Amino acid sequence: MSVADFTLTEDAPPVTIEEFLALPDNGVHRELIQGRIRELGAPVRDRFHARIEALVVYRLLNWLDLQPPPRGEVVCGEAGFRLKGTKESLVGIDVALVSADLVARTGKRETMYDGAPILAVEILSPSDRHDDTVDTVASYLEVGTVVWMIDPDFQTLTVFQPTEKPRAYNLDDELCAEPYLPELRVRIAELLG
């Protein structure tokens, strides 16, 4: 099976996670979003993206350490998640907070989580397309995941929650992550460095 076997048009039949995982590893970075293959090319990370990722991980780990056991875990660097909603998705997330339950259900040798994280943090890159970002956020919301979308150029963080309207924060704001991350408060300037 090759990527050419799957047409990337809207009228093509959706691809399953199993079909997606059977594709050859030819060095092209791909995600499966709502049953459609998205080719992203080689991920290009810059120091600004990496710094924001590190700052988010630092703040989340500090918060997680204060929580009662079992705590779950914070992962980064395109951690893999199988999202199962009305259409299947397989995504790599910049930073994610994983519940203790999902960690316990994930085998020690499994390379990806078979379920959705509590929180997905995506840091926009210059190569991100608006339509792709909208589809990705919709996939997360469909499975109950809260999304922090960070735009380094505009110095903003937008929170998307399944049952709420999106809320944008700028450098002067403080984010209160109630109720999904109880007692977490962080200044946006601390996340964007």
Protein backbone atom coordinates (compact mmCIF):
# COMPACT_ATOMS: atom_id res chain seq x y z
CA MET A 1 0.00 0.00 0.00
CA SER A 2 1.32 3.44 -0.84
CA VAL A 3 0.22 6.99 -0.19
CA ALA A 4 -0.74 7.18 -3.85
CA ASP A 5 -3.44 4.59 -3.10
CA PHE A 6 -5.19 7.20 -0.97
CA THR A 7 -6.47 10.30 -2.72
CA LEU A 8 -6.29 13.43 -0.59
CA THR A 9 -9.48 14.93 -2.04
CA GLU A 10 -12.61 15.66 -0.02
CA ASP A 11 -14.68 13.13 -1.99
CA ALA A 12 -12.29 10.22 -1.32
CA PRO A 13 -13.44 7.64 1.22
CA PRO A 14 -12.07 8.15 4.75
CA VAL A 15 -8.93 6.26 5.75
CA THR A 16 -8.91 4.13 8.91
CA ILE A 17 -6.15 4.33 11.50
CA GLU A 18 -5.10 0.78 10.56
CA GLU A 19 -4.75 1.76 6.87
CA PHE A 20 -2.84 4.88 7.87
CA LEU A 21 -0.43 2.93 10.09
CA ALA A 22 0.21 0.45 7.25
CA LEU A 23 1.61 3.21 5.00
CA PRO A 24 5.37 3.00 4.38
CA ASP A 25 7.64 5.20 6.45
CA ASN A 26 9.23 7.33 3.73
CA GLY A 27 10.26 10.25 5.93
CA VAL A 28 7.16 12.34 5.25
CA HIS A 29 5.44 13.60 8.39
CA ARG A 30 1.73 12.75 8.21
CA GLU A 31 -1.32 12.97 10.41
CA LEU A 32 -4.74 11.44 10.04
CA ILE A 33 -7.38 14.08 10.76
CA GLN A 34 -11.03 13.03 10.68
CA GLY A 35 -10.26 10.15 8.34
CA ARG A 36 -8.18 12.22 5.90
CA ILE A 37 -4.40 12.00 5.43
CA ARG A 38 -2.59 15.29 5.86
CA GLU A 39 1.00 15.39 4.64
CA LEU A 40 2.98 17.95 6.60
CA GLY A 41 6.42 17.47 5.13
CA ALA A 42 9.46 17.44 7.38
CA PRO A 43 8.75 19.27 10.62
CA VAL A 44 10.84 22.41 10.89
CA ARG A 45 11.27 23.60 14.43
CA ASP A 46 12.95 26.81 15.36
CA ARG A 47 14.34 27.92 18.68
CA PHE A 48 11.26 30.06 19.40
CA HIS A 49 8.92 27.08 18.96
CA ALA A 50 11.18 24.90 21.10
CA ARG A 51 11.42 27.52 23.84
CA ILE A 52 7.64 27.93 24.05
CA GLU A 53 7.23 24.16 24.16
CA ALA A 54 9.74 23.94 27.03
CA LEU A 55 8.01 26.73 28.97
CA VAL A 56 4.60 25.09 28.61
CA VAL A 57 5.99 21.72 29.71
CA TYR A 58 7.68 23.35 32.72
CA ARG A 59 4.45 25.03 33.88
CA LEU A 60 2.36 21.89 33.38
CA LEU A 61 4.87 19.66 35.19
CA ASN A 62 4.96 22.07 38.13
CA TRP A 63 1.16 21.99 38.30
CA LEU A 64 1.06 18.20 37.93
CA ASP A 65 3.53 17.70 40.78
CA LEU A 66 1.06 19.45 43.13
CA GLN A 67 -1.81 17.12 42.24
CA PRO A 68 -2.74 14.06 44.32
CA PRO A 69 -1.75 10.66 42.91
CA PRO A 70 -2.37 9.17 40.44
CA ARG A 71 -1.17 12.14 38.41
CA GLY A 72 -1.00 11.22 34.75
CA GLU A 73 1.84 12.70 32.71
CA VAL A 74 2.97 15.54 30.50
CA VAL A 75 4.45 14.62 27.10
CA CYS A 76 5.87 16.69 24.28
CA GLY A 77 7.63 16.50 20.92
CA GLU A 78 4.79 15.29 18.70
CA ALA A 79 3.53 12.61 21.12
CA GLY A 80 1.18 10.28 19.22
CA PHE A 81 -2.53 9.93 20.06
CA ARG A 82 -5.28 7.89 18.45
CA LEU A 83 -8.42 10.01 18.73
CA LYS A 84 -11.62 8.08 18.30
CA GLY A 85 -14.66 10.16 17.50
CA THR A 86 -17.11 10.01 14.67
CA LYS A 87 -14.08 10.03 12.35
CA GLU A 88 -10.74 8.61 13.41
CA SER A 89 -7.67 10.76 13.81
CA LEU A 90 -4.03 10.03 14.58
CA VAL A 91 -2.15 13.13 15.64
CA GLY A 92 1.22 14.22 16.97
CA ILE A 93 0.78 16.88 19.66
CA ASP A 94 3.40 19.49 20.61
CA VAL A 95 2.54 19.23 24.35
CA ALA A 96 -0.16 17.13 25.98
CA LEU A 97 -1.44 16.43 29.47
CA VAL A 98 -2.50 12.79 29.72
CA SER A 99 -4.87 11.50 32.40
CA ALA A 100 -3.71 8.86 34.87
CA ASP A 101 -6.41 6.57 33.49
CA LEU A 102 -5.09 6.81 29.92
CA VAL A 103 -1.52 6.28 31.13
CA ALA A 104 -2.65 3.14 33.02
CA ARG A 105 -4.46 1.81 29.92
CA THR A 106 -1.41 2.32 27.70
CA GLY A 107 1.01 -0.60 27.56
CA LYS A 108 4.64 0.02 28.54
CA ARG A 109 5.83 -0.75 24.99
CA GLU A 110 3.08 1.08 23.08
CA THR A 111 4.46 4.05 21.15
CA MET A 112 1.24 6.05 21.16
CA TYR A 113 -1.75 6.60 23.37
CA ASP A 114 -5.02 4.96 22.37
CA GLY A 115 -7.27 7.79 23.50
CA ALA A 116 -7.47 11.53 23.92
CA PRO A 117 -5.45 13.74 26.26
CA ILE A 118 -7.05 16.15 28.73
CA LEU A 119 -5.16 19.04 27.15
CA ALA A 120 -3.50 19.44 23.75
CA VAL A 121 -1.14 22.39 23.27
CA GLU A 122 -0.37 23.26 19.67
CA ILE A 123 2.20 25.90 18.79
CA LEU A 124 1.61 27.37 15.36
CA SER A 125 4.42 27.22 12.83
CA PRO A 126 4.78 29.34 9.68
CA SER A 127 3.85 26.29 7.58
CA ASP A 128 0.51 25.69 9.37
CA ARG A 129 -2.51 26.30 7.16
CA HIS A 130 -5.69 27.80 8.61
CA ASP A 131 -7.99 25.04 7.28
CA ASP A 132 -5.72 22.32 8.69
CA THR A 133 -5.63 24.02 12.09
CA VAL A 134 -9.44 24.28 12.16
CA ASP A 135 -9.78 20.56 11.34
CA THR A 136 -7.26 19.59 14.02
CA VAL A 137 -8.98 21.67 16.72
CA ALA A 138 -12.35 20.18 15.68
CA SER A 139 -10.91 16.66 16.08
CA TYR A 140 -9.72 17.45 19.60
CA LEU A 141 -13.01 19.04 20.62
CA GLU A 142 -14.95 16.09 19.23
CA VAL A 143 -13.24 13.76 21.74
CA GLY A 144 -13.47 16.17 24.69
CA THR A 145 -9.93 17.53 24.67
CA VAL A 146 -9.23 21.13 25.66
CA VAL A 147 -6.87 22.91 23.23
CA TRP A 148 -4.40 25.70 23.82
CA MET A 149 -3.43 27.15 20.43
CA ILE A 150 -0.35 29.34 20.75
CA ASP A 151 0.50 31.84 18.04
CA PRO A 152 4.11 33.00 18.55
CA ASP A 153 3.80 35.74 15.91
CA PHE A 154 0.77 37.41 17.45
CA GLN A 155 1.87 36.50 20.99
CA THR A 156 -1.52 35.00 21.82
CA LEU A 157 -2.93 31.83 23.34
CA THR A 158 -6.46 30.78 22.40
CA VAL A 159 -8.31 28.25 24.54
CA PHE A 160 -10.83 25.96 22.84
CA GLN A 161 -13.14 23.90 25.05
CA PRO A 162 -15.81 21.46 23.85
CA THR A 163 -18.70 23.35 25.45
CA GLU A 164 -17.42 26.94 25.46
CA LYS A 165 -16.68 29.68 22.96
CA PRO A 166 -12.97 30.15 22.17
CA ARG A 167 -11.18 32.64 24.38
CA ALA A 168 -8.03 34.49 23.30
CA TYR A 169 -5.38 35.72 25.74
CA ASN A 170 -2.50 38.11 25.13
CA LEU A 171 0.76 38.80 26.98
CA ASP A 172 -0.95 40.96 29.62
CA ASP A 173 -3.46 38.25 30.58
CA GLU A 174 -3.48 35.45 33.11
CA LEU A 175 -4.99 32.11 32.14
CA CYS A 176 -7.15 30.38 34.73
CA ALA A 177 -7.50 26.77 33.57
CA GLU A 178 -10.54 25.91 35.71
CA PRO A 179 -12.28 23.46 35.62
CA TYR A 180 -10.17 21.14 33.44
CA LEU A 181 -6.89 21.86 35.32
CA PRO A 182 -7.98 22.90 38.83
CA GLU A 183 -6.02 25.74 40.42
CA LEU A 184 -3.71 26.24 37.43
CA ARG A 185 -3.09 29.93 36.84
CA VAL A 186 -0.35 31.14 34.55
CA ARG A 187 0.54 34.45 32.96
CA ILE A 188 0.63 34.25 29.18
CA ALA A 189 3.93 36.16 29.17
CA GLU A 190 5.45 33.27 31.17
CA LEU A 191 4.47 30.79 28.45
CA LEU A 192 5.59 32.89 25.53
CA GLY A 193 8.93 33.80 27.08
